[in-house]
Amino acid sequence: MPGAFTPTCSKEHLPGYIQAVDKLAALGIEKVAVVTTNDRFVNEEWSRQQGLFTNNQEGDKITLLCDGDGDLVKNMGLADDMGFGIGVRSKRFAMVTENGKVAELVTDEGMDDCSSTSAENLIERLTPEPVVSELGVDVKVLGGAASVVAVVALLAMQVGGPAPPAAVGIRASPPPTQSRAERPQKNIPTESTFSLIDQYLKN
């Protein structure tokens, strides 16, 4: 997201993920990690203002990560020059990883647009296509995703959507599924740069 305390990130992008975190969990997302190129003191205060801290303890469902020097986003090819007075920051992006590999990646350009990287759009991308069973009933094939982490980047300066339909207790035979690899993606980082995300999450 382009930054702690910036208008779009504070009013739309981060609140959208806070409101949608349970819907994302139902789709297999185990952790939502918000990356900014702010320092930890800025992120800590921003987290409090967004209601992510209770008694100085970060919430279990959303974690704010500090990429103060921008090394993470630069190595992933997701840094951009945001112009005079702001400089090189993280692009606004949403990434889903499975077992250490990037499964989904979408980006938005500039400071104000978060249409592609919104929680609502990510939920839509992760929700499987409806399948018609032998009884003619539309069902959702919900795939269980192991070790899934959604990483949402907010471009940093100093300064949500309908719930997916519940699965119907009728099994399609066989249940065709749509591979995430078949969906359009761009600028997917290499597996070697992904190790940086693991390092940030462990720390």
C-alpha atoms as a PDB file:
ATOM      1  CA  MET A   1       0.000   0.000   0.000  1.00  0.00           C
ATOM      2  CA  PRO A   2       1.590   3.449  -0.550  1.00  0.00           C
ATOM      3  CA  GLY A   3       2.034   4.273   3.122  1.00  0.00           C
ATOM      4  CA  ALA A   4       1.138   4.456   6.761  1.00  0.00           C
ATOM      5  CA  PHE A   5      -1.179   7.420   7.395  1.00  0.00           C
ATOM      6  CA  THR A   6      -1.667   8.134   3.676  1.00  0.00           C
ATOM      7  CA  PRO A   7      -5.325   8.688   2.700  1.00  0.00           C
ATOM      8  CA  THR A   8      -6.025   5.653   0.493  1.00  0.00           C
ATOM      9  CA  CYS A   9      -4.121   3.224   2.709  1.00  0.00           C
ATOM     10  CA  SER A  10      -5.668   4.502   5.930  1.00  0.00           C
ATOM     11  CA  LYS A  11      -9.238   4.945   4.713  1.00  0.00           C
ATOM     12  CA  GLU A  12      -9.659   2.142   2.181  1.00  0.00           C
ATOM     13  CA  HIS A  13      -6.884  -0.387   1.715  1.00  0.00           C
ATOM     14  CA  LEU A  14      -5.914  -1.501   5.227  1.00  0.00           C
ATOM     15  CA  PRO A  15      -9.466  -1.179   6.660  1.00  0.00           C
ATOM     16  CA  GLY A  16     -10.678  -3.366   3.798  1.00  0.00           C
ATOM     17  CA  TYR A  17      -8.345  -6.159   4.842  1.00  0.00           C
ATOM     18  CA  ILE A  18      -9.202  -5.738   8.511  1.00  0.00           C
ATOM     19  CA  GLN A  19     -12.892  -6.166   7.685  1.00  0.00           C
ATOM     20  CA  ALA A  20     -12.267  -9.091   5.301  1.00  0.00           C
ATOM     21  CA  VAL A  21      -9.740 -11.064   7.353  1.00  0.00           C
ATOM     22  CA  ASP A  22     -12.277 -13.718   8.392  1.00  0.00           C
ATOM     23  CA  LYS A  23     -13.483 -14.158   4.801  1.00  0.00           C
ATOM     24  CA  LEU A  24      -9.871 -14.604   3.685  1.00  0.00           C
ATOM     25  CA  ALA A  25      -9.325 -17.154   6.453  1.00  0.00           C
ATOM     26  CA  ALA A  26     -12.329 -19.111   5.184  1.00  0.00           C
ATOM     27  CA  LEU A  27     -10.581 -19.282   1.792  1.00  0.00           C
ATOM     28  CA  GLY A  28      -7.421 -20.742   3.336  1.00  0.00           C
ATOM     29  CA  ILE A  29      -5.402 -17.612   4.093  1.00  0.00           C
ATOM     30  CA  GLU A  30      -3.517 -18.254   7.340  1.00  0.00           C
ATOM     31  CA  LYS A  31      -1.886 -14.840   7.787  1.00  0.00           C
ATOM     32  CA  VAL A  32      -2.306 -11.384   6.305  1.00  0.00           C
ATOM     33  CA  ALA A  33       0.989  -9.488   6.409  1.00  0.00           C
ATOM     34  CA  VAL A  34       1.061  -5.807   5.522  1.00  0.00           C
ATOM     35  CA  VAL A  35       4.451  -4.587   4.275  1.00  0.00           C
ATOM     36  CA  THR A  36       5.387  -0.912   4.364  1.00  0.00           C
ATOM     37  CA  THR A  37       8.679   0.905   3.897  1.00  0.00           C
ATOM     38  CA  ASN A  38       8.070   2.754   7.159  1.00  0.00           C
ATOM     39  CA  ASP A  39      10.078   2.289  10.322  1.00  0.00           C
ATOM     40  CA  ARG A  40       8.618   0.238  13.153  1.00  0.00           C
ATOM     41  CA  PHE A  41       7.655   3.264  15.246  1.00  0.00           C
ATOM     42  CA  VAL A  42       5.445   4.665  12.481  1.00  0.00           C
ATOM     43  CA  ASN A  43       3.877   1.258  11.846  1.00  0.00           C
ATOM     44  CA  GLU A  44       3.247   0.711  15.541  1.00  0.00           C
ATOM     45  CA  GLU A  45       1.358   3.980  15.903  1.00  0.00           C
ATOM     46  CA  TRP A  46      -0.535   3.368  12.666  1.00  0.00           C
ATOM     47  CA  SER A  47      -1.487  -0.104  13.901  1.00  0.00           C
ATOM     48  CA  ARG A  48      -2.912   1.369  17.088  1.00  0.00           C
ATOM     49  CA  GLN A  49      -4.954   3.919  15.164  1.00  0.00           C
ATOM     50  CA  GLN A  50      -6.295   1.159  12.905  1.00  0.00           C
ATOM     51  CA  GLY A  51      -7.264  -0.975  15.918  1.00  0.00           C
ATOM     52  CA  LEU A  52      -4.663  -3.696  15.351  1.00  0.00           C
ATOM     53  CA  PHE A  53      -3.051  -3.374  18.779  1.00  0.00           C
ATOM     54  CA  THR A  54      -4.645  -4.280  22.082  1.00  0.00           C
ATOM     55  CA  ASN A  55      -2.534  -3.666  25.189  1.00  0.00           C
ATOM     56  CA  ASN A  56       0.478  -3.151  22.908  1.00  0.00           C
ATOM     57  CA  GLN A  57       0.123  -6.656  21.482  1.00  0.00           C
ATOM     58  CA  GLU A  58      -0.365  -7.048  17.743  1.00  0.00           C
ATOM     59  CA  GLY A  59      -3.433  -8.890  16.562  1.00  0.00           C
ATOM     60  CA  ASP A  60      -3.141 -12.529  15.555  1.00  0.00           C
ATOM     61  CA  LYS A  61      -4.704 -12.181  12.130  1.00  0.00           C
ATOM     62  CA  ILE A  62      -2.879  -9.185  10.597  1.00  0.00           C
ATOM     63  CA  THR A  63       0.816  -8.392  10.983  1.00  0.00           C
ATOM     64  CA  LEU A  64       2.545  -5.187   9.934  1.00  0.00           C
ATOM     65  CA  LEU A  65       6.063  -5.704   8.559  1.00  0.00           C
ATOM     66  CA  CYS A  66       8.658  -2.933   8.252  1.00  0.00           C
ATOM     67  CA  ASP A  67      10.800  -2.774   5.112  1.00  0.00           C
ATOM     68  CA  GLY A  68      12.418   0.510   6.132  1.00  0.00           C
ATOM     69  CA  ASP A  69      15.174   0.518   3.504  1.00  0.00           C
ATOM     70  CA  GLY A  70      12.995  -1.036   0.802  1.00  0.00           C
ATOM     71  CA  ASP A  71      15.342  -4.008   0.356  1.00  0.00           C
ATOM     72  CA  LEU A  72      12.497  -6.524   0.232  1.00  0.00           C
ATOM     73  CA  VAL A  73      10.429  -4.790  -2.436  1.00  0.00           C
ATOM     74  CA  LYS A  74      13.506  -3.873  -4.495  1.00  0.00           C
ATOM     75  CA  ASN A  75      14.628  -7.513  -4.579  1.00  0.00           C
ATOM     76  CA  MET A  76      11.141  -8.583  -5.646  1.00  0.00           C
ATOM     77  CA  GLY A  77      10.994  -5.984  -8.419  1.00  0.00           C
ATOM     78  CA  LEU A  78       8.069  -4.258  -6.711  1.00  0.00           C
ATOM     79  CA  ALA A  79       9.596  -0.864  -5.938  1.00  0.00           C
ATOM     80  CA  ASP A  80       8.681   2.293  -7.826  1.00  0.00           C
ATOM     81  CA  ASP A  81       9.617   5.989  -7.795  1.00  0.00           C
ATOM     82  CA  MET A  82       6.558   7.800  -6.508  1.00  0.00           C
ATOM     83  CA  GLY A  83       7.803  11.237  -7.417  1.00  0.00           C
ATOM     84  CA  PHE A  84       9.334  14.304  -5.809  1.00  0.00           C
ATOM     85  CA  GLY A  85       9.149  14.387  -2.036  1.00  0.00           C
ATOM     86  CA  ILE A  86       8.222  10.706  -1.776  1.00  0.00           C
ATOM     87  CA  GLY A  87      10.918   8.870  -3.712  1.00  0.00           C
ATOM     88  CA  VAL A  88      11.324   5.139  -4.229  1.00  0.00           C
ATOM     89  CA  ARG A  89       8.690   3.195  -2.354  1.00  0.00           C
ATOM     90  CA  SER A  90       6.964  -0.142  -2.546  1.00  0.00           C
ATOM     91  CA  LYS A  91       4.376  -0.504  -5.254  1.00  0.00           C
ATOM     92  CA  ARG A  92       0.912  -1.283  -4.006  1.00  0.00           C
ATOM     93  CA  PHE A  93       0.586  -5.047  -4.413  1.00  0.00           C
ATOM     94  CA  ALA A  94      -1.234  -8.083  -3.068  1.00  0.00           C
ATOM     95  CA  MET A  95       0.526 -11.437  -3.097  1.00  0.00           C
ATOM     96  CA  VAL A  96      -0.618 -14.888  -2.051  1.00  0.00           C
ATOM     97  CA  THR A  97       1.995 -17.541  -1.342  1.00  0.00           C
ATOM     98  CA  GLU A  98       1.619 -21.282  -0.910  1.00  0.00           C
ATOM     99  CA  ASN A  99       4.429 -23.371   0.550  1.00  0.00           C
ATOM    100  CA  GLY A 100       7.047 -20.767  -0.289  1.00  0.00           C
ATOM    101  CA  LYS A 101       5.881 -20.099  -3.851  1.00  0.00           C
ATOM    102  CA  VAL A 102       3.908 -17.179  -5.261  1.00  0.00           C
ATOM    103  CA  ALA A 103       0.415 -18.284  -6.277  1.00  0.00           C
ATOM    104  CA  GLU A 104      -1.197 -14.894  -6.934  1.00  0.00           C
ATOM    105  CA  LEU A 105       0.219 -11.417  -7.556  1.00  0.00           C
ATOM    106  CA  VAL A 106      -1.636  -8.247  -8.491  1.00  0.00           C
ATOM    107  CA  THR A 107      -0.465  -4.633  -8.467  1.00  0.00           C
ATOM    108  CA  ASP A 108      -1.885  -1.133  -8.697  1.00  0.00           C
ATOM    109  CA  GLU A 109      -0.092   1.912 -10.037  1.00  0.00           C
ATOM    110  CA  GLY A 110       0.443   5.143  -8.146  1.00  0.00           C
ATOM    111  CA  MET A 111      -0.646   6.314  -4.735  1.00  0.00           C
ATOM    112  CA  ASP A 112      -4.439   6.361  -4.979  1.00  0.00           C
ATOM    113  CA  ASP A 113      -5.659   3.258  -6.814  1.00  0.00           C
ATOM    114  CA  CYS A 114      -6.217   0.028  -4.868  1.00  0.00           C
ATOM    115  CA  SER A 115      -8.865  -1.564  -7.084  1.00  0.00           C
ATOM    116  CA  SER A 116      -6.769  -4.594  -8.085  1.00  0.00           C
ATOM    117  CA  THR A 117      -5.107  -5.090  -4.703  1.00  0.00           C
ATOM    118  CA  SER A 118      -8.188  -4.611  -2.534  1.00  0.00           C
ATOM    119  CA  ALA A 119      -9.375  -7.338  -0.203  1.00  0.00           C
ATOM    120  CA  GLU A 120     -12.601  -7.525  -2.201  1.00  0.00           C
ATOM    121  CA  ASN A 121     -10.759  -8.237  -5.439  1.00  0.00           C
ATOM    122  CA  LEU A 122      -8.434 -10.762  -3.774  1.00  0.00           C
ATOM    123  CA  ILE A 123     -11.413 -12.637  -2.350  1.00  0.00           C
ATOM    124  CA  GLU A 124     -12.952 -12.737  -5.822  1.00  0.00           C
ATOM    125  CA  ARG A 125      -9.724 -14.137  -7.311  1.00  0.00           C
ATOM    126  CA  LEU A 126      -9.395 -16.789  -4.595  1.00  0.00           C
ATOM    127  CA  THR A 127     -13.027 -17.924  -4.685  1.00  0.00           C
ATOM    128  CA  PRO A 128     -13.307 -21.020  -6.937  1.00  0.00           C
ATOM    129  CA  GLU A 129     -15.619 -20.960  -9.906  1.00  0.00           C
ATOM    130  CA  PRO A 130     -19.062 -22.534  -9.295  1.00  0.00           C
ATOM    131  CA  VAL A 131     -19.384 -26.161 -10.390  1.00  0.00           C
ATOM    132  CA  VAL A 132     -22.609 -27.871 -11.484  1.00  0.00           C
ATOM    133  CA  SER A 133     -23.025 -31.221  -9.766  1.00  0.00           C
ATOM    134  CA  GLU A 134     -24.792 -34.279 -11.181  1.00  0.00           C
ATOM    135  CA  LEU A 135     -27.938 -33.067  -9.446  1.00  0.00           C
ATOM    136  CA  GLY A 136     -27.724 -29.715 -11.254  1.00  0.00           C
ATOM    137  CA  VAL A 137     -26.887 -27.753  -8.097  1.00  0.00           C
ATOM    138  CA  ASP A 138     -24.251 -25.043  -8.174  1.00  0.00           C
ATOM    139  CA  VAL A 139     -21.596 -25.704  -5.548  1.00  0.00           C
ATOM    140  CA  LYS A 140     -18.321 -24.103  -4.590  1.00  0.00           C
ATOM    141  CA  VAL A 141     -15.273 -26.302  -4.581  1.00  0.00           C
ATOM    142  CA  LEU A 142     -13.268 -24.902  -1.709  1.00  0.00           C
ATOM    143  CA  GLY A 143      -9.648 -25.997  -1.874  1.00  0.00           C
ATOM    144  CA  GLY A 144      -7.742 -26.210   1.386  1.00  0.00           C
ATOM    145  CA  ALA A 145      -4.554 -24.198   1.050  1.00  0.00           C
ATOM    146  CA  ALA A 146      -1.630 -25.160   3.247  1.00  0.00           C
ATOM    147  CA  SER A 147       0.788 -22.599   4.634  1.00  0.00           C
ATOM    148  CA  VAL A 148      -0.853 -19.694   2.865  1.00  0.00           C
ATOM    149  CA  VAL A 149       0.237 -16.150   3.557  1.00  0.00           C
ATOM    150  CA  ALA A 150      -1.261 -13.068   1.946  1.00  0.00           C
ATOM    151  CA  VAL A 151       1.209 -10.277   1.721  1.00  0.00           C
ATOM    152  CA  VAL A 152      -0.210  -6.829   1.107  1.00  0.00           C
ATOM    153  CA  ALA A 153       2.232  -4.031   0.440  1.00  0.00           C
ATOM    154  CA  LEU A 154       1.421  -0.447   1.262  1.00  0.00           C
ATOM    155  CA  LEU A 155       3.723   2.117  -0.289  1.00  0.00           C
ATOM    156  CA  ALA A 156       5.103   3.904   2.719  1.00  0.00           C
ATOM    157  CA  MET A 157       5.430   7.609   3.428  1.00  0.00           C
ATOM    158  CA  GLN A 158       6.022   9.190   6.783  1.00  0.00           C
ATOM    159  CA  VAL A 159       3.452  11.398   6.916  1.00  0.00           C
ATOM    160  CA  GLY A 160     -13.866  -4.677   1.473  1.00  0.00           C
ATOM    161  CA  GLY A 161     -16.557  -7.070  -0.327  1.00  0.00           C
ATOM    162  CA  PRO A 162     -19.429  -9.561   0.040  1.00  0.00           C
ATOM    163  CA  ALA A 163     -18.807 -12.850   1.749  1.00  0.00           C
ATOM    164  CA  PRO A 164     -18.259 -15.803  -0.587  1.00  0.00           C
ATOM    165  CA  PRO A 165     -21.195 -18.229  -0.765  1.00  0.00           C
ATOM    166  CA  ALA A 166     -20.989 -21.122   1.648  1.00  0.00           C
ATOM    167  CA  ALA A 167     -20.218 -24.564   0.285  1.00  0.00           C
ATOM    168  CA  VAL A 168     -23.236 -26.786  -0.318  1.00  0.00           C
ATOM    169  CA  GLY A 169     -23.014 -30.311   1.063  1.00  0.00           C
ATOM    170  CA  ILE A 170     -23.224 -31.939  -2.387  1.00  0.00           C
ATOM    171  CA  ARG A 171     -20.080 -33.338  -3.936  1.00  0.00           C
ATOM    172  CA  ALA A 172     -19.470 -32.856  -7.643  1.00  0.00           C
ATOM    173  CA  SER A 173     -18.119 -35.942  -9.401  1.00  0.00           C
ATOM    174  CA  PRO A 174     -15.395 -35.279 -10.358  1.00  0.00           C
ATOM    175  CA  PRO A 175     -15.035 -31.658  -9.094  1.00  0.00           C
ATOM    176  CA  PRO A 176     -13.222 -29.666 -11.779  1.00  0.00           C
ATOM    177  CA  THR A 177     -11.054 -26.947 -10.305  1.00  0.00           C
ATOM    178  CA  GLN A 178      -9.300 -23.988 -11.790  1.00  0.00           C
ATOM    179  CA  SER A 179      -5.574 -23.911 -11.137  1.00  0.00           C
ATOM    180  CA  ARG A 180      -4.254 -20.599  -9.887  1.00  0.00           C
ATOM    181  CA  ALA A 181      -1.402 -21.069 -12.332  1.00  0.00           C
ATOM    182  CA  GLU A 182      -3.934 -20.664 -15.175  1.00  0.00           C
ATOM    183  CA  ARG A 183      -4.975 -17.209 -14.007  1.00  0.00           C
ATOM    184  CA  PRO A 184      -3.225 -14.147 -15.477  1.00  0.00           C
ATOM    185  CA  GLN A 185      -0.300 -12.987 -13.357  1.00  0.00           C
ATOM    186  CA  LYS A 186       2.549 -10.564 -13.796  1.00  0.00           C
ATOM    187  CA  ASN A 187       5.832  -9.584 -12.224  1.00  0.00           C
ATOM    188  CA  ILE A 188       6.006 -12.755 -10.127  1.00  0.00           C
ATOM    189  CA  PRO A 189       9.168 -12.679  -8.014  1.00  0.00           C
ATOM    190  CA  THR A 190      11.588 -15.561  -8.165  1.00  0.00           C
ATOM    191  CA  GLU A 191      11.612 -18.204  -5.456  1.00  0.00           C
ATOM    192  CA  SER A 192      15.023 -16.973  -4.287  1.00  0.00           C
ATOM    193  CA  THR A 193      13.699 -13.505  -3.446  1.00  0.00           C
ATOM    194  CA  PHE A 194      10.758 -15.014  -1.589  1.00  0.00           C
ATOM    195  CA  SER A 195      13.147 -16.122   1.157  1.00  0.00           C
ATOM    196  CA  LEU A 196      13.238 -12.471   2.205  1.00  0.00           C
ATOM    197  CA  ILE A 197       9.538 -12.640   3.072  1.00  0.00           C
ATOM    198  CA  ASP A 198      10.161 -15.733   5.215  1.00  0.00           C
ATOM    199  CA  GLN A 199      12.867 -13.800   7.032  1.00  0.00           C
ATOM    200  CA  TYR A 200      10.557 -10.855   7.718  1.00  0.00           C
ATOM    201  CA  LEU A 201       7.787 -13.139   9.002  1.00  0.00           C
ATOM    202  CA  LYS A 202      10.170 -15.046  11.308  1.00  0.00           C
ATOM    203  CA  ASN A 203      11.501 -11.800  12.763  1.00  0.00           C
END
